[in-house]
Amino acid sequence: MICQNCQKNVATVHVTEVLQEEGASEPSATEQHLCEVCAQTMDLPHASPASKPKVDVWKLLQISAQNTRKKSSLTCSECGMSLDEFRKKGRLGCAKDYEVFKSHIVDLLERVHGARSHMGRVPGTSEAELVRVQRMSDLKQKLETAVREEAYESAARLRDELKALEQAPGE
C-alpha cells in the first residue's frame, strides 16, 4: 500500500479516526495510510516517539538494575543474610529470616506449593484417613459457625455428619 499523502513511499502507519457527529446515529470512521516520513510531519495524537539508539536503552536498563539492587538491601539483624543472598542461595540463614523476609517467602511458597500454610502428612496414616480427618476438621469449623449464627437446622445436619465420620473405622 502506498502513502496517501506523498503517493511515493510504502505506507507503514495506519490511522483510523472515529467521529460521532451530532444527530448521527452511528459514528463514522476514516482511515489514512501514511509513510513514516509523512506521519512524523503530521500532528498525530499517539505518534510513536523517535527511536532511541540501542546504546541509550542499554544504559537505562543498567541504571534500572543498579537501582533495584540498592532497593533490596533488606538484611537479617541476626545472621546478616540479605534478600539478594536469599534469592541467590534459595535458603535462609536463621529462624529470624522467616520474619524478616516474610512478604517475599509467602509469595514464593504460594507459587511453589500452591498454598500459604503447610498441610503435611502424619507418618503411618493412609491417604483416606487423612481425608477423613481433614473433613472432620472442616465440619467442626462449620458447626461452630452455624451455632454462632444460630442456624440450628444446618448445625444439626453438620453434627450428624460429624458423628458418622467419627464412628467410621479408621483405615
Foldseek 3Di string as FASTA:
>chain_A
DAFPPPRPDFFPDKDKDWADDPPDPGIDIDMGTHHPVVVVVDDDPDDDDDDDDPVVVVVVVVVVVVVVVVVQQQADPVPGDTPVNCVVVVDDDDPCVCVSCVVVVQVVCCVVPVDSDDDDDDPPADPVLSVLVVVLVVLVVVLVVCVVVVVVVVNVVSVVVNVVSVPDDGD
